[in-house]
Amino acid sequence: MLCSCKAGPILASPLRKHIQNPRRIIGPYVSNGMTVMDIGCGMGFFTIPMSIIVGKQGRVIAVDLQPEMLAGLKKNAQKAGCANIMLHQCYFDSLDIGQWDESVDFMLLFMMLHEVPDAKHLIREVYNSLTPKGKLLFAEPIVHVSYKKYQKSMSMILKSGFKIVGSPKIPLCRSAVFQKANIKL
C-alpha cells in the first residue's frame, strides 16, 4: 500500500528527527562531492540532509512516484537553500533511473520497499545505478513489515548480487547496508 501524500508533512516533520535523526542514519555513508539517490524521497526528510552533506560539488537524485511529494520536497529544498537536488518522478512499475547507471555512490531505500509491486525489478535498477563500490542502505519499519517479510526482502537483495557490509541500528526499523558482491574490500 502506497503511503499517502497526505502523510508527507508528518514524515518530514522536525519532531521525527528526535527518533530517526537523518544525519546520524546517513552520515556514515554520505560525504562531500558524492552522487546520492533517495528512492521514495517523500518531502525530503533524508533528501535535504543528504544535499547539505554532499555540498555544492555533489548531487542528490530524489525519486518518488507521487508528484505531490516531489512538489513538497521542492518547496522544502528551496526553503533550505538546497540547489543540488534533482527531482525525478518514477513510475509504478519502474524507477526509470537508467540514465544514472553505475554513477550513484549511495542509495537509500528507507521504509518503502514493502510498497513496491515488483521489488525484484526495483533492486535490479538499484544495482545497475550504483557504482562498483556504491552502497545501499535498506530499512523497513518494524510496525508494517514482519520479520519474515523483511528476511524475504533481504534474501532477494542478496540473490540480486549484493552482499551485506553493515547492520546499522535504526530506531523502529530493521536495516542493512549492501554493496555489490563482486567488489573486494
N, C-alpha and C. Protein backbone atom coordinates (compact mmCIF):
# COMPACT_ATOMS: atom_id res chain seq x y z
N MET A 1 0.85 -1.19 0.00
CA MET A 1 0.00 0.00 0.00
C MET A 1 0.89 1.24 0.00
N LEU A 2 0.63 2.14 -0.91
CA LEU A 2 1.40 3.36 -1.07
C LEU A 2 1.10 4.36 0.03
N CYS A 3 2.15 4.92 0.62
CA CYS A 3 1.99 5.95 1.65
C CYS A 3 1.36 7.18 1.01
N SER A 4 0.27 7.64 1.57
CA SER A 4 -0.45 8.79 1.03
C SER A 4 0.38 10.06 1.10
N CYS A 5 0.23 10.90 0.08
CA CYS A 5 0.94 12.18 0.09
C CYS A 5 0.47 13.05 1.25
N LYS A 6 -0.69 12.75 1.82
CA LYS A 6 -1.18 13.49 2.98
C LYS A 6 -0.29 13.25 4.20
N ALA A 7 0.43 12.12 4.20
CA ALA A 7 1.34 11.82 5.30
C ALA A 7 2.70 12.49 5.12
N GLY A 8 2.94 13.08 3.96
CA GLY A 8 4.24 13.70 3.66
C GLY A 8 4.72 14.69 4.70
N PRO A 9 3.89 15.66 5.09
CA PRO A 9 4.35 16.61 6.12
C PRO A 9 4.66 15.95 7.45
N ILE A 10 3.94 14.90 7.79
CA ILE A 10 4.22 14.18 9.04
C ILE A 10 5.56 13.46 8.93
N LEU A 11 5.80 12.80 7.79
CA LEU A 11 7.04 12.07 7.59
C LEU A 11 8.26 12.99 7.54
N ALA A 12 8.06 14.23 7.13
CA ALA A 12 9.16 15.20 7.06
C ALA A 12 9.22 16.09 8.30
N SER A 13 8.43 15.79 9.29
CA SER A 13 8.33 16.61 10.50
C SER A 13 9.66 16.72 11.24
N PRO A 14 9.98 17.92 11.72
CA PRO A 14 11.18 18.08 12.55
C PRO A 14 11.13 17.23 13.83
N LEU A 15 9.94 16.94 14.32
CA LEU A 15 9.81 16.11 15.52
C LEU A 15 10.33 14.69 15.28
N ARG A 16 10.21 14.20 14.06
CA ARG A 16 10.68 12.84 13.73
C ARG A 16 12.19 12.73 13.92
N LYS A 17 12.89 13.85 13.79
CA LYS A 17 14.35 13.83 13.91
C LYS A 17 14.81 13.38 15.30
N HIS A 18 13.95 13.51 16.29
CA HIS A 18 14.32 13.08 17.64
C HIS A 18 14.38 11.55 17.74
N ILE A 19 13.62 10.88 16.88
CA ILE A 19 13.61 9.41 16.88
C ILE A 19 14.55 8.86 15.82
N GLN A 20 14.44 9.40 14.61
CA GLN A 20 15.26 8.94 13.49
C GLN A 20 16.02 10.12 12.91
N ASN A 21 17.14 10.43 13.52
CA ASN A 21 17.94 11.57 13.07
C ASN A 21 18.58 11.24 11.72
N PRO A 22 18.20 11.97 10.66
CA PRO A 22 18.70 11.62 9.33
C PRO A 22 20.22 11.73 9.20
N ARG A 23 20.82 12.71 9.83
CA ARG A 23 22.28 12.85 9.74
C ARG A 23 23.00 11.68 10.40
N ARG A 24 22.46 11.20 11.51
CA ARG A 24 23.06 10.05 12.19
C ARG A 24 22.90 8.79 11.35
N ILE A 25 21.77 8.66 10.67
CA ILE A 25 21.48 7.46 9.88
C ILE A 25 22.31 7.42 8.60
N ILE A 26 22.36 8.52 7.87
CA ILE A 26 23.06 8.52 6.58
C ILE A 26 24.50 9.00 6.66
N GLY A 27 24.85 9.68 7.74
CA GLY A 27 26.18 10.28 7.89
C GLY A 27 27.35 9.35 7.63
N PRO A 28 27.30 8.10 8.10
CA PRO A 28 28.44 7.21 7.86
C PRO A 28 28.65 6.83 6.39
N TYR A 29 27.68 7.10 5.54
CA TYR A 29 27.72 6.62 4.15
C TYR A 29 27.78 7.73 3.11
N VAL A 30 27.51 8.96 3.51
CA VAL A 30 27.41 10.07 2.57
C VAL A 30 28.48 11.11 2.91
N SER A 31 29.16 11.60 1.87
CA SER A 31 30.18 12.63 2.10
C SER A 31 30.21 13.64 0.95
N ASN A 32 30.96 14.69 1.16
CA ASN A 32 31.05 15.79 0.21
C ASN A 32 31.42 15.29 -1.19
N GLY A 33 30.71 15.80 -2.18
CA GLY A 33 31.00 15.50 -3.58
C GLY A 33 30.35 14.26 -4.14
N MET A 34 29.67 13.50 -3.33
CA MET A 34 29.04 12.25 -3.80
C MET A 34 27.79 12.53 -4.64
N THR A 35 27.42 11.52 -5.43
CA THR A 35 26.12 11.47 -6.07
C THR A 35 25.31 10.44 -5.29
N VAL A 36 24.18 10.88 -4.75
CA VAL A 36 23.36 10.01 -3.92
C VAL A 36 21.93 10.01 -4.43
N MET A 37 21.20 8.95 -4.10
CA MET A 37 19.82 8.84 -4.56
C MET A 37 18.93 8.43 -3.39
N ASP A 38 17.83 9.15 -3.24
CA ASP A 38 16.84 8.87 -2.20
C ASP A 38 15.59 8.36 -2.91
N ILE A 39 15.35 7.05 -2.83
CA ILE A 39 14.22 6.44 -3.50
C ILE A 39 13.03 6.40 -2.55
N GLY A 40 11.92 6.97 -3.00
CA GLY A 40 10.77 7.14 -2.10
C GLY A 40 11.03 8.31 -1.19
N CYS A 41 11.54 9.39 -1.76
CA CYS A 41 12.04 10.55 -1.00
C CYS A 41 10.98 11.29 -0.22
N GLY A 42 9.72 11.15 -0.60
CA GLY A 42 8.69 11.91 0.09
C GLY A 42 8.97 13.40 -0.03
N MET A 43 8.81 14.11 1.06
CA MET A 43 9.01 15.56 1.05
C MET A 43 10.39 15.98 1.54
N GLY A 44 11.31 15.00 1.64
CA GLY A 44 12.70 15.36 1.84
C GLY A 44 13.32 15.15 3.20
N PHE A 45 12.74 14.30 4.03
CA PHE A 45 13.29 14.07 5.37
C PHE A 45 14.77 13.69 5.31
N PHE A 46 15.15 12.81 4.39
CA PHE A 46 16.56 12.45 4.21
C PHE A 46 17.21 13.24 3.08
N THR A 47 16.43 13.63 2.09
CA THR A 47 16.97 14.29 0.90
C THR A 47 17.69 15.59 1.25
N ILE A 48 17.08 16.40 2.06
CA ILE A 48 17.67 17.70 2.39
C ILE A 48 18.97 17.54 3.19
N PRO A 49 19.01 16.70 4.23
CA PRO A 49 20.30 16.47 4.89
C PRO A 49 21.36 15.88 3.94
N MET A 50 20.95 15.00 3.03
CA MET A 50 21.89 14.48 2.04
C MET A 50 22.47 15.62 1.20
N SER A 51 21.60 16.52 0.78
CA SER A 51 22.01 17.65 -0.04
C SER A 51 23.05 18.51 0.67
N ILE A 52 22.83 18.75 1.93
CA ILE A 52 23.76 19.56 2.72
C ILE A 52 25.09 18.84 2.86
N ILE A 53 25.06 17.54 3.13
CA ILE A 53 26.29 16.77 3.31
C ILE A 53 27.10 16.68 2.02
N VAL A 54 26.46 16.40 0.88
CA VAL A 54 27.23 16.25 -0.37
C VAL A 54 27.73 17.58 -0.89
N GLY A 55 27.12 18.66 -0.45
CA GLY A 55 27.58 20.00 -0.80
C GLY A 55 27.38 20.37 -2.25
N LYS A 56 27.96 21.50 -2.62
CA LYS A 56 27.78 22.04 -3.98
C LYS A 56 28.42 21.16 -5.04
N GLN A 57 29.44 20.41 -4.67
CA GLN A 57 30.11 19.52 -5.63
C GLN A 57 29.35 18.22 -5.85
N GLY A 58 28.44 17.89 -4.95
CA GLY A 58 27.67 16.66 -5.06
C GLY A 58 26.28 16.91 -5.61
N ARG A 59 25.55 15.82 -5.76
CA ARG A 59 24.16 15.96 -6.20
C ARG A 59 23.30 14.87 -5.57
N VAL A 60 22.04 15.21 -5.41
CA VAL A 60 21.06 14.30 -4.84
C VAL A 60 19.96 14.09 -5.88
N ILE A 61 19.68 12.83 -6.16
CA ILE A 61 18.58 12.50 -7.06
C ILE A 61 17.45 12.01 -6.17
N ALA A 62 16.36 12.76 -6.17
CA ALA A 62 15.21 12.46 -5.32
C ALA A 62 14.13 11.81 -6.18
N VAL A 63 13.82 10.56 -5.87
CA VAL A 63 12.90 9.77 -6.68
C VAL A 63 11.63 9.48 -5.90
N ASP A 64 10.49 9.80 -6.50
CA ASP A 64 9.21 9.45 -5.89
C ASP A 64 8.17 9.26 -6.99
N LEU A 65 7.18 8.48 -6.67
CA LEU A 65 6.08 8.20 -7.59
C LEU A 65 5.06 9.33 -7.61
N GLN A 66 4.89 9.97 -6.47
CA GLN A 66 3.81 10.94 -6.31
C GLN A 66 4.28 12.39 -6.57
N PRO A 67 3.68 13.06 -7.54
CA PRO A 67 4.08 14.43 -7.84
C PRO A 67 3.87 15.37 -6.65
N GLU A 68 2.89 15.07 -5.81
CA GLU A 68 2.64 15.92 -4.63
C GLU A 68 3.82 15.85 -3.65
N MET A 69 4.40 14.67 -3.51
CA MET A 69 5.58 14.53 -2.65
C MET A 69 6.76 15.32 -3.22
N LEU A 70 6.97 15.21 -4.52
CA LEU A 70 8.06 15.94 -5.15
C LEU A 70 7.85 17.45 -5.07
N ALA A 71 6.60 17.90 -5.20
CA ALA A 71 6.30 19.33 -5.07
C ALA A 71 6.60 19.81 -3.65
N GLY A 72 6.23 19.00 -2.66
CA GLY A 72 6.55 19.34 -1.27
C GLY A 72 8.04 19.38 -1.03
N LEU A 73 8.78 18.43 -1.62
CA LEU A 73 10.23 18.42 -1.49
C LEU A 73 10.83 19.66 -2.14
N LYS A 74 10.35 20.01 -3.31
CA LYS A 74 10.87 21.20 -4.00
C LYS A 74 10.73 22.44 -3.12
N LYS A 75 9.58 22.58 -2.51
CA LYS A 75 9.31 23.72 -1.61
C LYS A 75 10.25 23.68 -0.41
N ASN A 76 10.41 22.51 0.20
CA ASN A 76 11.28 22.37 1.37
C ASN A 76 12.74 22.60 1.01
N ALA A 77 13.15 22.14 -0.17
CA ALA A 77 14.53 22.33 -0.61
C ALA A 77 14.83 23.80 -0.87
N GLN A 78 13.87 24.51 -1.45
CA GLN A 78 14.06 25.94 -1.68
C GLN A 78 14.21 26.69 -0.36
N LYS A 79 13.39 26.34 0.63
CA LYS A 79 13.48 26.96 1.96
C LYS A 79 14.85 26.72 2.58
N ALA A 80 15.38 25.51 2.37
CA ALA A 80 16.67 25.14 2.96
C ALA A 80 17.86 25.61 2.13
N GLY A 81 17.61 26.18 0.96
CA GLY A 81 18.68 26.65 0.10
C GLY A 81 19.47 25.54 -0.58
N CYS A 82 18.80 24.42 -0.82
CA CYS A 82 19.45 23.26 -1.45
C CYS A 82 19.21 23.29 -2.96
N ALA A 83 20.26 23.61 -3.70
CA ALA A 83 20.13 23.74 -5.15
C ALA A 83 20.68 22.53 -5.90
N ASN A 84 21.17 21.53 -5.19
CA ASN A 84 21.80 20.38 -5.85
C ASN A 84 20.89 19.14 -5.87
N ILE A 85 19.59 19.35 -5.73
CA ILE A 85 18.63 18.25 -5.73
C ILE A 85 17.93 18.18 -7.07
N MET A 86 17.98 17.01 -7.69
CA MET A 86 17.28 16.77 -8.94
C MET A 86 16.04 15.92 -8.63
N LEU A 87 14.88 16.43 -8.96
CA LEU A 87 13.63 15.71 -8.74
C LEU A 87 13.37 14.77 -9.91
N HIS A 88 12.96 13.54 -9.57
CA HIS A 88 12.70 12.54 -10.62
C HIS A 88 11.45 11.75 -10.26
N GLN A 89 10.42 11.89 -11.08
CA GLN A 89 9.21 11.12 -10.85
C GLN A 89 9.34 9.77 -11.54
N CYS A 90 9.16 8.72 -10.76
CA CYS A 90 9.25 7.37 -11.31
C CYS A 90 7.86 6.87 -11.68
N TYR A 91 7.79 5.64 -12.13
CA TYR A 91 6.53 5.01 -12.50
C TYR A 91 6.19 3.94 -11.49
N PHE A 92 4.96 3.49 -11.50
CA PHE A 92 4.51 2.46 -10.57
C PHE A 92 5.29 1.17 -10.76
N ASP A 93 5.71 0.88 -12.00
CA ASP A 93 6.40 -0.38 -12.27
C ASP A 93 7.88 -0.22 -12.58
N SER A 94 8.42 1.00 -12.48
CA SER A 94 9.82 1.23 -12.77
C SER A 94 10.31 2.54 -12.15
N LEU A 95 11.54 2.51 -11.65
CA LEU A 95 12.16 3.74 -11.17
C LEU A 95 12.58 4.63 -12.34
N ASP A 96 12.81 4.03 -13.50
CA ASP A 96 13.23 4.76 -14.69
C ASP A 96 14.50 5.57 -14.40
N ILE A 97 15.51 4.89 -13.86
CA ILE A 97 16.75 5.57 -13.46
C ILE A 97 17.96 5.12 -14.28
N GLY A 98 17.72 4.54 -15.43
CA GLY A 98 18.81 4.04 -16.27
C GLY A 98 19.83 5.08 -16.66
N GLN A 99 19.44 6.35 -16.72
CA GLN A 99 20.39 7.39 -17.10
C GLN A 99 21.50 7.58 -16.05
N TRP A 100 21.32 6.99 -14.86
CA TRP A 100 22.34 7.08 -13.81
C TRP A 100 23.07 5.75 -13.59
N ASP A 101 23.01 4.83 -14.55
CA ASP A 101 23.68 3.54 -14.38
C ASP A 101 25.15 3.74 -14.02
N GLU A 102 25.56 3.01 -12.99
CA GLU A 102 26.93 3.00 -12.48
C GLU A 102 27.46 4.37 -12.12
N SER A 103 26.59 5.28 -11.68
CA SER A 103 27.05 6.63 -11.32
C SER A 103 26.63 7.08 -9.93
N VAL A 104 25.90 6.25 -9.18
CA VAL A 104 25.40 6.64 -7.87
C VAL A 104 26.27 6.00 -6.78
N ASP A 105 26.77 6.83 -5.87
CA ASP A 105 27.66 6.37 -4.80
C ASP A 105 26.90 5.80 -3.60
N PHE A 106 25.70 6.29 -3.38
CA PHE A 106 24.91 5.85 -2.23
C PHE A 106 23.43 5.93 -2.58
N MET A 107 22.69 4.89 -2.19
CA MET A 107 21.24 4.87 -2.39
C MET A 107 20.55 4.56 -1.08
N LEU A 108 19.43 5.20 -0.89
CA LEU A 108 18.63 4.99 0.31
C LEU A 108 17.27 4.42 -0.08
N LEU A 109 16.94 3.26 0.49
CA LEU A 109 15.61 2.66 0.38
C LEU A 109 15.07 2.60 1.81
N PHE A 110 14.42 3.65 2.23
CA PHE A 110 14.01 3.76 3.63
C PHE A 110 12.50 3.61 3.76
N MET A 111 12.09 2.54 4.38
CA MET A 111 10.69 2.26 4.69
C MET A 111 9.78 2.38 3.46
N MET A 112 10.22 1.78 2.35
CA MET A 112 9.38 1.88 1.16
C MET A 112 9.34 0.62 0.30
N LEU A 113 10.29 -0.30 0.45
CA LEU A 113 10.32 -1.47 -0.42
C LEU A 113 9.04 -2.30 -0.30
N HIS A 114 8.45 -2.32 0.88
CA HIS A 114 7.21 -3.09 1.08
C HIS A 114 6.04 -2.53 0.28
N GLU A 115 6.16 -1.30 -0.24
CA GLU A 115 5.11 -0.67 -1.02
C GLU A 115 5.23 -0.95 -2.52
N VAL A 116 6.32 -1.58 -2.93
CA VAL A 116 6.63 -1.75 -4.35
C VAL A 116 6.04 -3.06 -4.86
N PRO A 117 5.32 -3.02 -6.00
CA PRO A 117 4.71 -4.24 -6.53
C PRO A 117 5.74 -5.26 -7.06
N ASP A 118 6.86 -4.80 -7.61
CA ASP A 118 7.88 -5.69 -8.14
C ASP A 118 9.23 -5.30 -7.54
N ALA A 119 9.45 -5.72 -6.30
CA ALA A 119 10.67 -5.36 -5.58
C ALA A 119 11.93 -5.88 -6.29
N LYS A 120 11.83 -7.04 -6.89
CA LYS A 120 12.98 -7.63 -7.59
C LYS A 120 13.43 -6.71 -8.73
N HIS A 121 12.49 -6.18 -9.49
CA HIS A 121 12.81 -5.26 -10.58
C HIS A 121 13.45 -3.99 -10.03
N LEU A 122 12.90 -3.45 -8.95
CA LEU A 122 13.45 -2.24 -8.34
C LEU A 122 14.89 -2.48 -7.91
N ILE A 123 15.16 -3.61 -7.27
CA ILE A 123 16.51 -3.90 -6.80
C ILE A 123 17.47 -4.05 -7.98
N ARG A 124 17.03 -4.61 -9.09
CA ARG A 124 17.88 -4.67 -10.29
C ARG A 124 18.24 -3.27 -10.77
N GLU A 125 17.25 -2.37 -10.76
CA GLU A 125 17.51 -0.99 -11.17
C GLU A 125 18.50 -0.32 -10.21
N VAL A 126 18.34 -0.56 -8.92
CA VAL A 126 19.25 -0.03 -7.91
C VAL A 126 20.66 -0.55 -8.16
N TYR A 127 20.79 -1.85 -8.33
CA TYR A 127 22.09 -2.48 -8.57
C TYR A 127 22.78 -1.84 -9.78
N ASN A 128 22.04 -1.68 -10.86
CA ASN A 128 22.62 -1.11 -12.09
C ASN A 128 23.08 0.33 -11.91
N SER A 129 22.40 1.09 -11.07
CA SER A 129 22.74 2.51 -10.90
C SER A 129 23.90 2.76 -9.96
N LEU A 130 24.18 1.81 -9.07
CA LEU A 130 25.28 2.00 -8.13
C LEU A 130 26.64 1.86 -8.81
N THR A 131 27.59 2.66 -8.35
CA THR A 131 28.98 2.48 -8.77
C THR A 131 29.47 1.14 -8.22
N PRO A 132 30.59 0.63 -8.71
CA PRO A 132 31.08 -0.65 -8.19
C PRO A 132 31.27 -0.68 -6.67
N LYS A 133 31.61 0.44 -6.07
CA LYS A 133 31.79 0.50 -4.61
C LYS A 133 30.64 1.20 -3.90
N GLY A 134 29.58 1.52 -4.65
CA GLY A 134 28.44 2.20 -4.07
C GLY A 134 27.74 1.37 -3.00
N LYS A 135 27.07 2.06 -2.11
CA LYS A 135 26.38 1.38 -1.01
C LYS A 135 24.88 1.66 -1.07
N LEU A 136 24.13 0.67 -0.57
CA LEU A 136 22.68 0.74 -0.47
C LEU A 136 22.30 0.57 0.99
N LEU A 137 21.61 1.55 1.55
CA LEU A 137 21.06 1.42 2.90
C LEU A 137 19.59 1.07 2.75
N PHE A 138 19.24 -0.10 3.26
CA PHE A 138 17.88 -0.63 3.19
C PHE A 138 17.30 -0.70 4.60
N ALA A 139 16.13 -0.14 4.80
CA ALA A 139 15.47 -0.20 6.10
C ALA A 139 13.97 -0.35 5.90
N GLU A 140 13.36 -1.16 6.75
CA GLU A 140 11.91 -1.35 6.74
C GLU A 140 11.37 -1.17 8.16
N PRO A 141 10.17 -0.64 8.27
CA PRO A 141 9.59 -0.40 9.60
C PRO A 141 9.17 -1.69 10.29
N ILE A 142 9.47 -1.79 11.57
CA ILE A 142 9.10 -3.00 12.31
C ILE A 142 7.59 -3.09 12.50
N VAL A 143 6.90 -1.97 12.42
CA VAL A 143 5.45 -1.95 12.62
C VAL A 143 4.71 -2.54 11.42
N HIS A 144 5.10 -2.17 10.20
CA HIS A 144 4.37 -2.59 8.99
C HIS A 144 4.91 -3.85 8.33
N VAL A 145 6.18 -4.15 8.57
CA VAL A 145 6.83 -5.24 7.86
C VAL A 145 7.28 -6.29 8.88
N SER A 146 6.72 -7.48 8.76
CA SER A 146 7.08 -8.56 9.68
C SER A 146 8.53 -8.96 9.49
N TYR A 147 9.08 -9.63 10.51
CA TYR A 147 10.45 -10.13 10.42
C TYR A 147 10.59 -11.09 9.24
N LYS A 148 9.59 -11.93 9.05
CA LYS A 148 9.61 -12.89 7.95
C LYS A 148 9.66 -12.18 6.59
N LYS A 149 8.84 -11.14 6.42
CA LYS A 149 8.83 -10.40 5.16
C LYS A 149 10.15 -9.64 4.97
N TYR A 150 10.69 -9.10 6.06
CA TYR A 150 11.98 -8.42 5.99
C TYR A 150 13.07 -9.40 5.54
N GLN A 151 13.09 -10.58 6.12
CA GLN A 151 14.09 -11.60 5.76
C GLN A 151 13.94 -12.02 4.29
N LYS A 152 12.70 -12.09 3.83
CA LYS A 152 12.46 -12.42 2.42
C LYS A 152 13.05 -11.34 1.51
N SER A 153 12.87 -10.07 1.88
CA SER A 153 13.46 -8.96 1.12
C SER A 153 14.98 -9.02 1.16
N MET A 154 15.53 -9.31 2.32
CA MET A 154 16.99 -9.41 2.46
C MET A 154 17.53 -10.51 1.53
N SER A 155 16.87 -11.64 1.53
CA SER A 155 17.28 -12.76 0.69
C SER A 155 17.23 -12.38 -0.79
N MET A 156 16.17 -11.70 -1.18
CA MET A 156 16.02 -11.25 -2.57
C MET A 156 17.14 -10.28 -2.95
N ILE A 157 17.49 -9.36 -2.05
CA ILE A 157 18.57 -8.41 -2.33
C ILE A 157 19.90 -9.14 -2.48
N LEU A 158 20.16 -10.08 -1.59
CA LEU A 158 21.41 -10.86 -1.68
C LEU A 158 21.48 -11.66 -2.98
N LYS A 159 20.37 -12.26 -3.38
CA LYS A 159 20.33 -13.03 -4.62
C LYS A 159 20.47 -12.14 -5.86
N SER A 160 20.27 -10.84 -5.69
CA SER A 160 20.38 -9.89 -6.81
C SER A 160 21.81 -9.41 -7.02
N GLY A 161 22.76 -9.96 -6.26
CA GLY A 161 24.16 -9.61 -6.48
C GLY A 161 24.79 -8.74 -5.42
N PHE A 162 24.12 -8.56 -4.31
CA PHE A 162 24.64 -7.74 -3.22
C PHE A 162 25.20 -8.60 -2.11
N LYS A 163 26.03 -7.99 -1.29
CA LYS A 163 26.48 -8.60 -0.04
C LYS A 163 26.24 -7.58 1.08
N ILE A 164 26.05 -8.07 2.29
CA ILE A 164 25.84 -7.20 3.45
C ILE A 164 27.19 -6.70 3.92
N VAL A 165 27.29 -5.38 4.11
CA VAL A 165 28.53 -4.78 4.61
C VAL A 165 28.31 -4.01 5.91
N GLY A 166 27.09 -4.02 6.41
CA GLY A 166 26.80 -3.33 7.67
C GLY A 166 25.40 -3.60 8.16
N SER A 167 25.22 -3.43 9.45
CA SER A 167 23.91 -3.62 10.08
C SER A 167 23.66 -2.48 11.06
N PRO A 168 23.33 -1.30 10.56
CA PRO A 168 23.14 -0.16 11.46
C PRO A 168 21.90 -0.33 12.34
N LYS A 169 21.96 0.25 13.50
CA LYS A 169 20.82 0.26 14.42
C LYS A 169 20.02 1.53 14.17
N ILE A 170 18.82 1.36 13.64
CA ILE A 170 17.94 2.49 13.34
C ILE A 170 16.66 2.30 14.14
N PRO A 171 16.29 3.27 14.96
CA PRO A 171 15.07 3.13 15.76
C PRO A 171 13.85 2.82 14.91
N LEU A 172 13.05 1.88 15.36
CA LEU A 172 11.78 1.47 14.75
C LEU A 172 11.94 0.77 13.40
N CYS A 173 13.17 0.36 13.08
CA CYS A 173 13.43 -0.28 11.78
C CYS A 173 14.33 -1.50 11.94
N ARG A 174 14.25 -2.35 10.92
CA ARG A 174 15.25 -3.37 10.67
C ARG A 174 16.03 -2.86 9.47
N SER A 175 17.35 -3.01 9.48
CA SER A 175 18.12 -2.39 8.40
C SER A 175 19.42 -3.13 8.11
N ALA A 176 19.93 -2.87 6.92
CA ALA A 176 21.21 -3.42 6.48
C ALA A 176 21.81 -2.50 5.42
N VAL A 177 23.12 -2.56 5.31
CA VAL A 177 23.84 -1.84 4.26
C VAL A 177 24.43 -2.88 3.33
N PHE A 178 24.27 -2.65 2.03
CA PHE A 178 24.73 -3.58 1.00
C PHE A 178 25.71 -2.90 0.07
N GLN A 179 26.50 -3.75 -0.58
CA GLN A 179 27.40 -3.33 -1.65
C GLN A 179 27.40 -4.45 -2.68
N LYS A 180 27.76 -4.13 -3.91
CA LYS A 180 27.82 -5.17 -4.94
C LYS A 180 28.80 -6.25 -4.50
N ALA A 181 28.42 -7.50 -4.67
CA ALA A 181 29.19 -8.63 -4.15
C ALA A 181 30.50 -8.86 -4.88
N ASN A 182 30.64 -8.39 -6.09
CA ASN A 182 31.86 -8.65 -6.85
C ASN A 182 33.01 -7.71 -6.49
N ILE A 183 32.83 -6.91 -5.47
CA ILE A 183 33.86 -5.96 -5.04
C ILE A 183 34.66 -6.58 -3.90
N LYS A 184 35.98 -6.49 -3.99
CA LYS A 184 36.83 -6.97 -2.90
C LYS A 184 37.15 -5.77 -2.03
N LEU A 185 36.82 -5.87 -0.76
CA LEU A 185 37.09 -4.76 0.18
C LEU A 185 38.52 -4.73 0.62
